[in-house]
N, C-alpha and C. Protein backbone atom coordinates (compact mmCIF):
# COMPACT_ATOMS: atom_id res chain seq x y z
N MET A 1 0.75 -1.29 0.13
CA MET A 1 0.08 -0.10 -0.28
C MET A 1 0.84 1.55 0.04
N THR A 2 0.85 1.93 -0.85
CA THR A 2 1.14 3.39 -0.87
C THR A 2 0.30 4.56 -0.46
N VAL A 3 0.83 5.37 0.44
CA VAL A 3 0.09 6.49 0.86
C VAL A 3 0.92 7.71 0.50
N SER A 4 0.34 8.58 0.58
CA SER A 4 0.85 9.93 0.35
C SER A 4 0.46 11.54 0.73
N ILE A 5 1.04 12.21 1.50
CA ILE A 5 1.09 13.10 2.43
C ILE A 5 1.12 14.54 1.85
N ALA A 6 0.62 15.42 2.19
CA ALA A 6 0.46 16.64 1.75
C ALA A 6 1.00 17.54 2.51
N ALA A 7 2.02 18.13 1.98
CA ALA A 7 2.45 18.96 3.04
C ALA A 7 2.86 20.69 3.22
N ASN A 8 2.07 20.78 1.83
CA ASN A 8 1.84 22.23 1.86
C ASN A 8 1.68 23.39 2.66
N GLY A 9 0.87 23.21 4.13
CA GLY A 9 0.73 24.18 5.15
C GLY A 9 1.87 24.27 5.84
N VAL A 10 3.41 23.35 5.84
CA VAL A 10 4.46 22.99 6.35
C VAL A 10 5.28 23.98 5.05
N ASN A 11 4.94 23.59 4.23
CA ASN A 11 5.86 24.17 2.98
C ASN A 11 5.65 25.95 3.36
N GLY A 12 4.22 26.75 3.08
CA GLY A 12 3.96 27.80 3.07
C GLY A 12 5.18 28.75 4.00
N GLN A 13 5.25 27.84 5.09
CA GLN A 13 5.95 28.95 6.72
C GLN A 13 6.91 27.85 6.94
N ASP A 14 7.93 27.10 6.44
CA ASP A 14 9.36 26.96 6.37
C ASP A 14 10.59 27.54 6.85
N ALA A 15 9.86 28.33 5.91
CA ALA A 15 11.12 29.74 6.18
C ALA A 15 11.38 30.43 7.51
N ASP A 16 10.41 30.42 8.13
CA ASP A 16 9.98 30.63 9.43
C ASP A 16 10.78 30.48 10.70
N VAL A 17 11.47 28.86 10.49
CA VAL A 17 12.18 28.39 11.39
C VAL A 17 13.49 27.46 11.13
N GLU A 18 14.38 27.40 11.89
CA GLU A 18 15.86 27.25 11.67
C GLU A 18 15.98 26.06 10.68
N ASP A 19 15.16 24.85 11.16
CA ASP A 19 15.32 23.70 10.68
C ASP A 19 14.83 23.33 9.57
N ALA A 20 14.09 24.60 8.73
CA ALA A 20 13.26 24.71 7.54
C ALA A 20 12.16 23.69 7.45
N GLY A 21 11.74 23.84 8.59
CA GLY A 21 10.14 22.59 8.49
C GLY A 21 10.81 21.29 9.20
N ALA A 22 11.62 20.42 8.79
CA ALA A 22 12.04 19.18 9.10
C ALA A 22 11.54 18.61 9.95
N GLN A 23 11.58 19.25 11.83
CA GLN A 23 10.46 18.63 12.64
C GLN A 23 9.07 18.77 12.57
N ALA A 24 8.23 19.45 11.50
CA ALA A 24 7.12 19.61 11.44
C ALA A 24 6.43 18.75 10.64
N ARG A 25 7.16 18.21 9.41
CA ARG A 25 7.16 17.29 8.52
C ARG A 25 7.24 16.20 9.01
N SER A 26 8.24 15.94 9.97
CA SER A 26 8.44 14.81 11.35
C SER A 26 7.22 14.45 11.69
N SER A 27 6.67 15.14 12.61
CA SER A 27 5.00 15.37 12.88
C SER A 27 3.92 15.07 12.44
N LEU A 28 3.78 15.24 11.09
CA LEU A 28 3.00 15.49 10.13
C LEU A 28 3.06 13.65 9.42
N VAL A 29 4.08 13.15 9.00
CA VAL A 29 4.78 11.65 8.88
C VAL A 29 4.12 10.99 10.13
N ARG A 30 4.48 11.07 11.27
CA ARG A 30 3.83 10.75 12.61
C ARG A 30 2.54 10.41 13.06
N LEU A 31 1.84 11.62 12.47
CA LEU A 31 0.31 11.99 12.97
C LEU A 31 -0.46 10.84 12.17
N HIS A 32 0.55 10.91 10.70
CA HIS A 32 -0.15 9.78 9.66
C HIS A 32 -0.03 8.53 10.01
N LEU A 33 0.93 7.91 10.68
CA LEU A 33 1.52 6.83 10.74
C LEU A 33 0.60 6.50 12.05
N ALA A 34 0.06 7.18 13.36
CA ALA A 34 -0.69 7.51 14.45
C ALA A 34 -2.12 6.97 13.58
N ARG A 35 -2.54 7.55 12.96
CA ARG A 35 -3.78 7.28 12.27
C ARG A 35 -4.00 5.90 11.95
N TRP A 36 -3.04 5.26 10.51
CA TRP A 36 -3.56 4.12 9.90
C TRP A 36 -2.96 3.29 11.52
N ALA A 37 -2.02 3.24 12.64
CA ALA A 37 -2.25 2.38 13.86
C ALA A 37 -3.89 2.40 14.43
N ASP A 38 -3.91 3.41 14.40
CA ASP A 38 -5.53 3.36 15.01
C ASP A 38 -6.47 2.43 14.04
N TRP A 39 -6.37 2.74 13.36
CA TRP A 39 -7.64 1.93 12.09
C TRP A 39 -7.01 0.61 11.89
N SER A 40 -5.98 0.33 12.14
CA SER A 40 -5.65 -1.14 11.49
C SER A 40 -5.90 -1.93 13.47
N ALA A 41 -5.77 -0.81 14.73
CA ALA A 41 -6.34 -1.64 15.61
C ALA A 41 -8.12 -2.13 15.79
N ASN A 42 -8.66 -0.64 14.90
CA ASN A 42 -9.92 -0.85 15.18
C ASN A 42 -10.44 -0.30 14.28
N ARG A 43 -10.99 -1.67 13.09
CA ARG A 43 -11.17 -1.08 11.53
C ARG A 43 -12.56 -0.45 11.51
N THR A 44 -13.27 -0.63 12.10
CA THR A 44 -14.71 -0.19 12.34
C THR A 44 -14.41 1.44 12.28
N SER A 45 -13.16 1.56 12.74
CA SER A 45 -13.19 3.40 12.85
C SER A 45 -12.86 3.89 11.73
N ALA A 46 -12.23 3.02 10.40
CA ALA A 46 -11.34 3.73 9.66
C ALA A 46 -12.48 4.33 8.52
N PRO A 47 -12.08 4.85 7.68
CA PRO A 47 -13.00 5.38 6.39
C PRO A 47 -13.36 4.26 5.49
N ALA A 48 -14.21 4.32 5.17
CA ALA A 48 -14.87 3.09 4.26
C ALA A 48 -13.73 3.07 3.41
N ALA A 49 -13.28 3.37 2.39
CA ALA A 49 -12.14 3.22 1.31
C ALA A 49 -10.76 2.41 2.44
N VAL A 50 -10.56 3.05 3.59
CA VAL A 50 -9.66 2.02 4.08
C VAL A 50 -9.84 0.44 4.96
N ARG A 51 -11.18 0.26 4.65
CA ARG A 51 -12.05 -0.80 5.43
C ARG A 51 -11.80 -1.17 4.53
N LYS A 52 -11.65 -1.48 2.51
CA LYS A 52 -11.95 -2.19 1.91
C LYS A 52 -10.34 -2.39 1.19
N THR A 53 -9.36 -1.76 2.12
CA THR A 53 -8.35 -2.24 1.60
C THR A 53 -7.43 -3.68 2.63
N ALA A 54 -6.59 -4.11 2.57
CA ALA A 54 -5.75 -4.77 3.53
C ALA A 54 -4.98 -4.52 4.49
N PRO A 55 -5.29 -4.62 6.18
CA PRO A 55 -5.11 -3.95 7.10
C PRO A 55 -3.23 -4.05 6.43
N ALA A 56 -2.91 -2.32 6.96
CA ALA A 56 -2.15 -1.86 7.27
C ALA A 56 -0.87 -2.46 7.52
N ASP A 57 0.17 -2.77 7.12
CA ASP A 57 1.57 -4.16 8.19
C ASP A 57 2.45 -2.59 8.55
N LEU A 58 1.88 -2.08 9.62
CA LEU A 58 2.96 -0.98 10.03
C LEU A 58 4.13 -1.05 11.03
N SER A 59 4.45 -2.85 10.65
CA SER A 59 6.07 -3.22 11.05
C SER A 59 6.78 -3.29 9.99
N ARG A 60 6.40 -2.87 8.73
CA ARG A 60 7.11 -2.73 7.27
C ARG A 60 6.95 -1.32 7.04
N VAL A 61 7.35 -0.34 7.53
CA VAL A 61 7.02 1.20 6.90
C VAL A 61 8.29 1.80 5.99
N LEU A 62 8.14 1.97 4.79
CA LEU A 62 9.21 2.64 4.05
C LEU A 62 8.57 3.96 3.68
N LEU A 63 9.61 5.10 4.02
CA LEU A 63 9.32 6.32 4.08
C LEU A 63 9.71 6.56 2.42
N VAL A 64 8.98 7.71 1.60
CA VAL A 64 10.31 8.25 0.95
C VAL A 64 9.87 10.01 0.88
N GLY A 65 10.78 10.51 0.88
CA GLY A 65 10.71 12.17 0.23
C GLY A 65 11.51 13.09 -0.43
N HIS A 66 11.23 13.42 -1.13
CA HIS A 66 11.74 14.31 -1.73
C HIS A 66 11.74 15.83 -1.32
N SER A 67 13.40 16.25 -1.88
CA SER A 67 13.84 17.70 -1.30
C SER A 67 13.51 17.90 0.29
N ARG A 68 12.99 19.06 0.74
CA ARG A 68 12.74 19.18 2.13
C ARG A 68 12.14 17.66 2.42
N GLY A 69 11.28 17.23 1.74
CA GLY A 69 10.24 15.83 2.45
C GLY A 69 11.48 14.83 2.43
N GLY A 70 12.48 14.39 1.98
CA GLY A 70 13.33 13.91 2.05
C GLY A 70 14.37 13.72 3.78
N GLU A 71 14.37 15.17 4.05
CA GLU A 71 14.67 15.64 5.05
C GLU A 71 13.84 14.92 6.42
N GLY A 72 12.20 15.53 6.05
CA GLY A 72 11.57 15.16 6.77
C GLY A 72 10.67 13.93 7.12
N VAL A 73 11.50 13.34 6.03
CA VAL A 73 11.01 11.66 6.23
C VAL A 73 12.68 11.22 6.71
N ASN A 74 13.49 11.23 6.84
CA ASN A 74 14.77 11.04 7.72
C ASN A 74 14.07 11.38 9.11
N ARG A 75 13.94 12.47 9.23
CA ARG A 75 13.58 13.33 10.79
C ARG A 75 12.67 12.11 11.56
N ALA A 76 11.34 11.82 10.83
CA ALA A 76 10.22 11.49 11.31
C ALA A 76 11.12 9.60 11.64
N ALA A 77 12.04 9.31 10.99
CA ALA A 77 12.31 7.68 11.41
C ALA A 77 12.93 8.46 12.25
N LEU A 78 14.11 8.87 12.36
CA LEU A 78 15.03 9.72 14.01
C LEU A 78 14.07 9.41 15.17
N ASP A 79 12.78 10.38 14.88
CA ASP A 79 12.10 11.15 16.32
C ASP A 79 10.97 9.44 16.72
N SER A 80 10.77 8.22 15.55
CA SER A 80 10.34 7.31 15.68
C SER A 80 11.53 6.30 16.84
N LEU A 81 12.18 6.80 16.68
CA LEU A 81 13.33 6.02 17.59
C LEU A 81 13.52 6.98 18.75
N ASN A 82 13.87 7.98 19.09
CA ASN A 82 14.49 8.67 19.79
C ASN A 82 13.38 9.99 20.02
N PRO A 83 11.98 9.92 20.59
CA PRO A 83 11.63 11.03 20.44
C PRO A 83 11.58 12.38 20.88
N PRO A 84 11.43 13.43 20.30
CA PRO A 84 12.24 14.82 20.64
C PRO A 84 11.18 15.32 21.78
N PRO A 85 12.24 16.49 22.31
CA PRO A 85 11.08 17.15 23.47
C PRO A 85 9.86 17.10 23.09
N ALA A 86 8.79 17.39 23.99
CA ALA A 86 7.48 17.23 23.65
C ALA A 86 6.86 18.96 23.24
N ALA A 87 7.96 19.96 23.69
CA ALA A 87 7.52 21.17 23.72
C ALA A 87 7.84 21.56 22.05
N GLN A 88 8.43 20.86 21.26
CA GLN A 88 8.98 20.84 20.12
C GLN A 88 8.51 19.71 19.06
N ASP A 89 7.77 19.12 19.79
CA ASP A 89 7.05 17.99 18.28
C ASP A 89 5.41 17.86 18.48
N GLY A 90 4.83 18.17 17.25
CA GLY A 90 3.49 17.83 16.77
C GLY A 90 2.70 16.72 17.07
N TYR A 91 3.89 15.41 17.65
CA TYR A 91 3.10 14.12 17.92
C TYR A 91 3.59 13.91 19.53
N ARG A 92 2.98 13.32 19.78
CA ARG A 92 3.18 13.22 21.47
C ARG A 92 2.81 11.53 22.02
N GLY A 93 2.68 10.39 21.01
CA GLY A 93 1.74 9.43 21.43
C GLY A 93 2.83 8.53 21.36
N PRO A 94 2.33 7.38 21.43
CA PRO A 94 3.13 5.82 21.50
C PRO A 94 3.78 6.13 20.01
N VAL A 95 4.92 5.09 19.77
CA VAL A 95 5.29 4.87 18.43
C VAL A 95 4.93 3.11 17.97
N ARG A 96 3.65 2.74 17.14
CA ARG A 96 3.12 1.82 17.11
C ARG A 96 3.29 1.52 15.18
N TRP A 97 5.08 1.38 14.79
CA TRP A 97 5.05 0.98 13.61
C TRP A 97 6.85 1.30 13.74
N LYS A 98 7.04 0.83 12.71
CA LYS A 98 8.43 0.33 12.80
C LYS A 98 9.15 0.69 11.43
N ILE A 99 9.58 1.97 11.37
CA ILE A 99 10.41 1.95 10.32
C ILE A 99 11.48 1.32 9.42
N ARG A 100 11.56 0.47 8.44
CA ARG A 100 12.44 -0.18 7.54
C ARG A 100 13.09 0.67 7.33
N GLY A 101 12.79 1.63 6.63
CA GLY A 101 13.82 2.28 5.48
C GLY A 101 13.71 3.84 4.92
N ASN A 102 14.27 4.60 4.39
CA ASN A 102 14.24 5.58 3.74
C ASN A 102 14.58 5.44 2.35
N VAL A 103 14.04 6.01 1.30
CA VAL A 103 14.31 6.76 0.50
C VAL A 103 14.15 8.56 0.28
N LEU A 104 15.31 8.88 0.21
CA LEU A 104 15.96 10.34 0.20
C LEU A 104 15.78 10.64 -1.25
N ILE A 105 15.02 11.66 -2.09
CA ILE A 105 15.57 11.99 -3.17
C ILE A 105 15.79 13.63 -3.39
N GLY A 106 17.42 14.12 -3.41
CA GLY A 106 17.54 15.12 -3.80
C GLY A 106 17.56 15.77 -2.32
N PRO A 107 17.50 15.21 -1.15
CA PRO A 107 17.52 15.95 -0.24
C PRO A 107 17.82 17.08 0.11
N THR A 108 17.25 17.89 1.39
CA THR A 108 17.97 19.13 2.31
C THR A 108 18.91 18.40 3.64
N VAL A 109 19.17 18.99 3.79
CA VAL A 109 19.94 18.58 5.14
C VAL A 109 19.95 19.76 6.15
N PHE A 110 18.90 20.40 6.49
CA PHE A 110 19.45 21.83 7.40
C PHE A 110 19.53 21.10 8.68
N GLY A 111 19.05 20.44 9.13
CA GLY A 111 18.56 20.19 10.50
C GLY A 111 20.31 19.17 10.92
N GLN A 112 21.07 19.07 9.83
CA GLN A 112 22.19 17.59 9.86
C GLN A 112 21.98 16.55 11.13
N ASN A 113 21.08 15.94 11.00
CA ASN A 113 20.77 14.93 11.78
C ASN A 113 20.61 13.54 10.67
N PRO A 114 20.90 13.26 10.10
CA PRO A 114 20.82 12.13 9.66
C PRO A 114 20.88 10.83 10.65
N VAL A 115 19.57 10.15 10.34
CA VAL A 115 19.48 8.74 11.52
C VAL A 115 19.68 7.47 11.13
N PRO A 116 21.23 6.95 12.04
CA PRO A 116 21.73 5.85 11.81
C PRO A 116 21.67 4.69 11.90
N ASP A 117 20.12 4.44 12.70
CA ASP A 117 20.44 3.07 12.71
C ASP A 117 18.61 2.77 11.96
N VAL A 118 18.24 3.28 10.50
CA VAL A 118 17.52 3.38 9.66
C VAL A 118 18.02 3.22 8.76
N PRO A 119 17.72 2.08 7.61
CA PRO A 119 18.59 2.09 6.35
C PRO A 119 18.62 2.98 5.85
N SER A 120 18.92 3.42 4.44
CA SER A 120 18.51 4.39 3.81
C SER A 120 19.58 4.30 2.15
N THR A 121 18.74 4.93 1.58
CA THR A 121 19.05 5.04 -0.12
C THR A 121 18.78 6.44 -0.11
N THR A 122 19.88 7.43 -0.57
CA THR A 122 19.69 8.61 -1.45
C THR A 122 19.89 9.10 -2.99
N ILE A 123 19.07 9.50 -3.42
CA ILE A 123 19.17 9.73 -4.72
C ILE A 123 19.35 11.02 -4.97
N LEU A 124 20.81 11.15 -5.89
CA LEU A 124 21.53 12.60 -5.62
C LEU A 124 21.71 13.07 -7.61
N PRO A 125 20.34 13.82 -7.76
CA PRO A 125 20.42 14.59 -8.94
C PRO A 125 21.77 14.79 -9.42
N GLY A 126 22.01 14.52 -10.79
CA GLY A 126 23.44 14.72 -11.34
C GLY A 126 23.61 16.70 -11.52
N CYS A 127 22.29 17.14 -12.32
CA CYS A 127 22.01 18.41 -12.46
C CYS A 127 20.66 18.87 -11.75
N ASP A 128 21.35 19.03 -10.50
CA ASP A 128 20.42 19.89 -9.34
C ASP A 128 20.91 21.04 -8.83
N GLY A 129 20.01 21.73 -10.06
CA GLY A 129 20.79 23.47 -9.84
C GLY A 129 19.31 23.99 -8.02
N ASP A 130 19.12 22.75 -7.37
CA ASP A 130 18.03 23.86 -6.09
C ASP A 130 19.41 23.57 -4.79
N VAL A 131 19.35 21.65 -5.01
CA VAL A 131 20.54 21.76 -3.85
C VAL A 131 21.26 21.23 -4.59
N SER A 132 22.05 22.32 -5.26
CA SER A 132 23.16 21.70 -6.23
C SER A 132 24.66 21.19 -5.45
N ASP A 133 24.84 21.52 -4.08
CA ASP A 133 25.97 21.07 -3.48
C ASP A 133 25.82 19.52 -2.94
N LEU A 134 24.89 18.94 -3.88
CA LEU A 134 24.23 17.65 -2.78
C LEU A 134 24.60 17.22 -1.83
N GLN A 135 23.91 17.88 -0.61
CA GLN A 135 23.86 17.71 0.55
C GLN A 135 23.28 16.45 1.21
N GLY A 136 22.77 16.03 0.68
CA GLY A 136 22.44 14.52 0.69
C GLY A 136 22.80 13.41 0.92
N GLN A 137 24.28 13.12 0.58
CA GLN A 137 25.36 12.57 0.41
C GLN A 137 25.64 12.50 1.91
N ILE A 138 24.97 13.43 2.90
CA ILE A 138 25.73 14.01 4.73
C ILE A 138 25.10 12.14 4.97
N TYR A 139 23.82 12.18 4.12
CA TYR A 139 23.07 10.61 5.06
C TYR A 139 23.61 9.41 4.96
N VAL A 140 24.72 9.18 4.05
CA VAL A 140 25.54 8.19 4.17
C VAL A 140 26.72 8.44 4.96
N ASP A 141 27.52 9.86 4.68
CA ASP A 141 28.56 10.04 5.26
C ASP A 141 28.14 10.11 6.97
N GLY A 142 27.67 11.01 7.00
CA GLY A 142 27.04 11.74 8.47
C GLY A 142 26.88 10.35 9.53
N THR A 143 26.48 8.61 8.53
CA THR A 143 26.15 7.82 9.86
C THR A 143 27.55 6.73 10.35
N ARG A 144 28.75 7.13 9.18
CA ARG A 144 29.32 6.29 9.72
C ARG A 144 29.91 6.16 11.22
N GLY A 145 29.89 5.19 12.08
CA GLY A 145 30.41 5.31 13.17
C GLY A 145 29.59 6.03 14.28
N VAL A 146 28.42 5.52 13.60
CA VAL A 146 27.47 6.06 14.57
C VAL A 146 26.40 5.68 14.94
N GLY A 147 25.90 5.54 15.93
CA GLY A 147 24.88 4.30 16.21
C GLY A 147 25.50 3.14 15.92
N LYS A 148 24.37 1.46 15.90
CA LYS A 148 24.58 0.38 16.35
C LYS A 148 25.48 -0.31 15.08
N GLY A 149 25.51 0.53 13.57
CA GLY A 149 26.90 0.08 12.80
C GLY A 149 25.98 -1.25 11.62
N THR A 150 24.55 -1.27 12.13
CA THR A 150 24.23 -2.19 11.23
C THR A 150 23.17 -1.69 10.00
N ALA A 151 23.33 -0.24 10.08
CA ALA A 151 22.24 -0.04 9.19
C ALA A 151 22.59 0.04 7.71
N LEU A 152 22.75 -0.11 6.77
CA LEU A 152 23.15 -0.21 5.38
C LEU A 152 22.29 1.48 4.55
N HIS A 153 23.64 2.51 4.43
CA HIS A 153 23.22 3.64 3.94
C HIS A 153 23.94 3.70 2.56
N SER A 154 23.39 4.22 1.45
CA SER A 154 23.85 4.03 -0.03
C SER A 154 23.37 5.11 -0.93
N ALA A 155 24.11 5.60 -1.57
CA ALA A 155 23.66 7.18 -2.39
C ALA A 155 24.19 6.68 -3.90
N ALA A 156 22.87 6.88 -4.74
CA ALA A 156 23.14 6.72 -6.27
C ALA A 156 22.88 8.11 -6.81
N TYR A 157 23.95 8.21 -7.71
CA TYR A 157 24.46 10.01 -8.37
C TYR A 157 23.68 9.65 -9.69
N VAL A 158 22.52 10.19 -10.11
CA VAL A 158 22.06 9.45 -11.19
C VAL A 158 22.47 11.43 -12.29
N ILE A 159 23.14 10.75 -13.12
CA ILE A 159 23.60 11.76 -14.08
C ILE A 159 22.37 12.14 -14.42
N GLY A 160 22.56 13.42 -15.23
CA GLY A 160 21.54 14.28 -16.18
C GLY A 160 19.86 14.43 -15.15
N ALA A 161 19.82 13.84 -14.17
CA ALA A 161 18.60 14.49 -13.37
C ALA A 161 18.66 15.70 -12.57
N ASN A 162 17.04 16.60 -12.95
CA ASN A 162 17.19 17.46 -12.38
C ASN A 162 16.24 17.33 -11.35
N HIS A 163 16.51 18.34 -10.57
CA HIS A 163 16.01 18.23 -8.71
C HIS A 163 14.46 18.49 -8.80
N ASN A 164 13.93 19.32 -9.51
CA ASN A 164 11.85 19.97 -9.52
C ASN A 164 11.44 18.80 -10.42
N PHE A 165 12.31 17.95 -11.10
CA PHE A 165 11.81 17.06 -11.93
C PHE A 165 11.11 15.70 -11.20
N PHE A 166 11.85 15.50 -10.38
CA PHE A 166 11.36 14.03 -9.63
C PHE A 166 9.77 14.99 -8.62
N ASN A 167 9.54 15.66 -8.73
CA ASN A 167 7.59 16.17 -8.43
C ASN A 167 6.72 16.73 -9.73
N SER A 168 5.71 16.32 -9.97
CA SER A 168 5.30 16.71 -11.07
C SER A 168 4.68 18.01 -10.89
N GLU A 169 4.31 18.57 -9.69
CA GLU A 169 4.15 19.84 -9.70
C GLU A 169 5.15 21.03 -9.62
N TRP A 170 6.18 20.53 -9.85
CA TRP A 170 7.52 21.26 -10.06
C TRP A 170 8.24 20.91 -11.39
N THR A 171 7.06 20.56 -12.40
CA THR A 171 8.28 19.94 -13.45
C THR A 171 7.76 20.72 -14.56
N PRO A 172 8.54 21.82 -15.25
CA PRO A 172 7.84 22.78 -16.33
C PRO A 172 6.84 21.79 -17.25
N GLY A 173 5.84 22.25 -17.80
CA GLY A 173 5.30 22.01 -18.30
C GLY A 173 4.33 20.90 -18.39
N GLN A 174 3.77 20.17 -16.49
CA GLN A 174 2.95 19.61 -16.18
C GLN A 174 2.23 20.21 -15.15
N ALA A 175 3.26 21.06 -14.41
CA ALA A 175 2.62 21.61 -12.69
C ALA A 175 1.81 22.77 -13.45
N LYS A 176 0.87 23.02 -12.37
CA LYS A 176 -0.31 24.16 -12.58
C LYS A 176 0.87 25.08 -11.67
N ALA A 177 1.30 25.37 -10.82
CA ALA A 177 2.31 26.34 -10.29
C ALA A 177 2.86 26.90 -11.81
N PRO A 178 3.47 28.23 -11.34
CA PRO A 178 4.85 28.93 -12.30
C PRO A 178 5.61 28.01 -11.74
N THR A 179 6.99 27.20 -12.78
CA THR A 179 7.92 26.11 -12.80
C THR A 179 8.88 26.77 -13.42
N ASP A 180 10.18 26.71 -13.40
CA ASP A 180 11.15 26.82 -14.13
C ASP A 180 11.96 25.17 -14.20
N ASP A 181 13.29 25.65 -15.05
CA ASP A 181 13.93 24.24 -14.68
C ASP A 181 15.03 25.08 -14.01
N ASP A 182 15.20 24.36 -12.73
CA ASP A 182 16.64 24.93 -11.45
C ASP A 182 17.40 24.53 -11.56
N PHE A 183 17.94 23.67 -13.00
CA PHE A 183 19.41 24.13 -13.20
C PHE A 183 19.96 24.96 -14.39
N SER A 184 21.08 25.67 -14.29
CA SER A 184 21.69 26.62 -14.95
C SER A 184 23.11 26.80 -15.19
N SER A 185 23.46 27.10 -15.97
CA SER A 185 25.01 27.42 -16.26
C SER A 185 25.20 28.31 -16.59
N GLU A 186 26.24 29.48 -16.70
CA GLU A 186 26.52 30.66 -17.05
C GLU A 186 26.26 30.86 -18.66
N ASP A 187 26.87 30.13 -19.30
CA ASP A 187 26.60 30.17 -21.12
C ASP A 187 25.17 29.09 -21.58
N GLY A 188 24.74 28.10 -20.36
CA GLY A 188 23.80 27.50 -21.22
C GLY A 188 23.64 26.60 -22.09
N THR A 189 25.30 26.33 -22.05
CA THR A 189 25.48 24.69 -22.53
C THR A 189 26.46 23.84 -21.97
N ASP A 190 25.77 23.65 -20.98
CA ASP A 190 26.43 22.60 -19.98
C ASP A 190 26.05 21.19 -21.24
N PRO A 191 27.20 20.48 -21.11
CA PRO A 191 26.81 19.04 -21.96
C PRO A 191 25.91 17.89 -21.76
N VAL A 192 25.61 18.10 -20.47
CA VAL A 192 25.10 16.92 -20.04
C VAL A 192 23.37 17.69 -19.67
N CYS A 193 24.16 18.59 -18.78
CA CYS A 193 23.05 18.94 -17.75
C CYS A 193 21.43 19.97 -18.62
N SER A 194 22.22 21.08 -19.55
CA SER A 194 21.22 22.12 -20.63
C SER A 194 19.93 21.61 -20.76
N PRO A 195 18.80 22.06 -20.72
CA PRO A 195 17.45 21.20 -21.08
C PRO A 195 17.39 20.03 -22.56
N ALA A 196 18.10 20.69 -23.25
CA ALA A 196 18.34 20.13 -24.52
C ALA A 196 19.07 18.88 -24.31
N ARG A 197 19.78 19.10 -23.64
CA ARG A 197 20.61 17.70 -23.42
C ARG A 197 20.18 16.65 -22.46
N ARG A 198 19.11 17.19 -21.44
CA ARG A 198 19.09 16.27 -20.49
C ARG A 198 18.19 15.34 -20.84
N PRO A 199 18.17 13.89 -20.29
CA PRO A 199 17.14 12.74 -20.25
C PRO A 199 16.17 12.79 -19.57
N VAL A 200 16.42 13.57 -18.34
CA VAL A 200 15.32 13.68 -17.47
C VAL A 200 14.59 14.87 -17.03
C-alpha cells in the first residue's frame, strides 16, 4: 500500500524556522502513521476506503521524501526511535510502527541529523540546480561510526537528473504552479545538464 501526504501548510511557512520545517514534517508523517495504527487496531473506525483494503502492516514502513520532504522523512525515522522534546513535537503518542527504510530524493540537510539506525538510500540528481551541493550525501557519510552500525546507507548519483523534475508539481509543462528548470549554467551550454541535452 502506498500513501501520500501533503505538506503544503508546512511548505508555506518553513522559512520561519531554523530547521526549515523538518520537525513539522516529521510530526505530520508520524501523525499519519498514528492514524493508520488506530485504523489497524479498530477497523470499524476507519473510513470506508480504508476498510476496503487489506490492513496496513505497520511493522514494515518505508518512507520516501523529495527535497525538504526527504529531510522530513529522515527526521520522522529519527523521532520514531528517539522522541524529541514534547514542546517541539507535534506528535506525542506511542510509536506503533517500525520504519524499515528511507528513500531520500535530492534531500536537504538543514538539521544535520541523519538517522544512523534506519537503512536509507539517497538519490543525488546530477543536474540538481536547487540542492546543487548534493548535501544529501551526508545521509551516508554522517552515519558512519554512529549508532549500532548495522543499517546500510547508500547513495546513487543519477547523471542528468534535475531536482524539480522528481515532483510533477514542479516540472515545467506539467505543473499547475509557475515552474522553471532549476538547473542553470553561465552560458547555457552544459554538455549534460542543459535542457536540450538532459534525458530526465
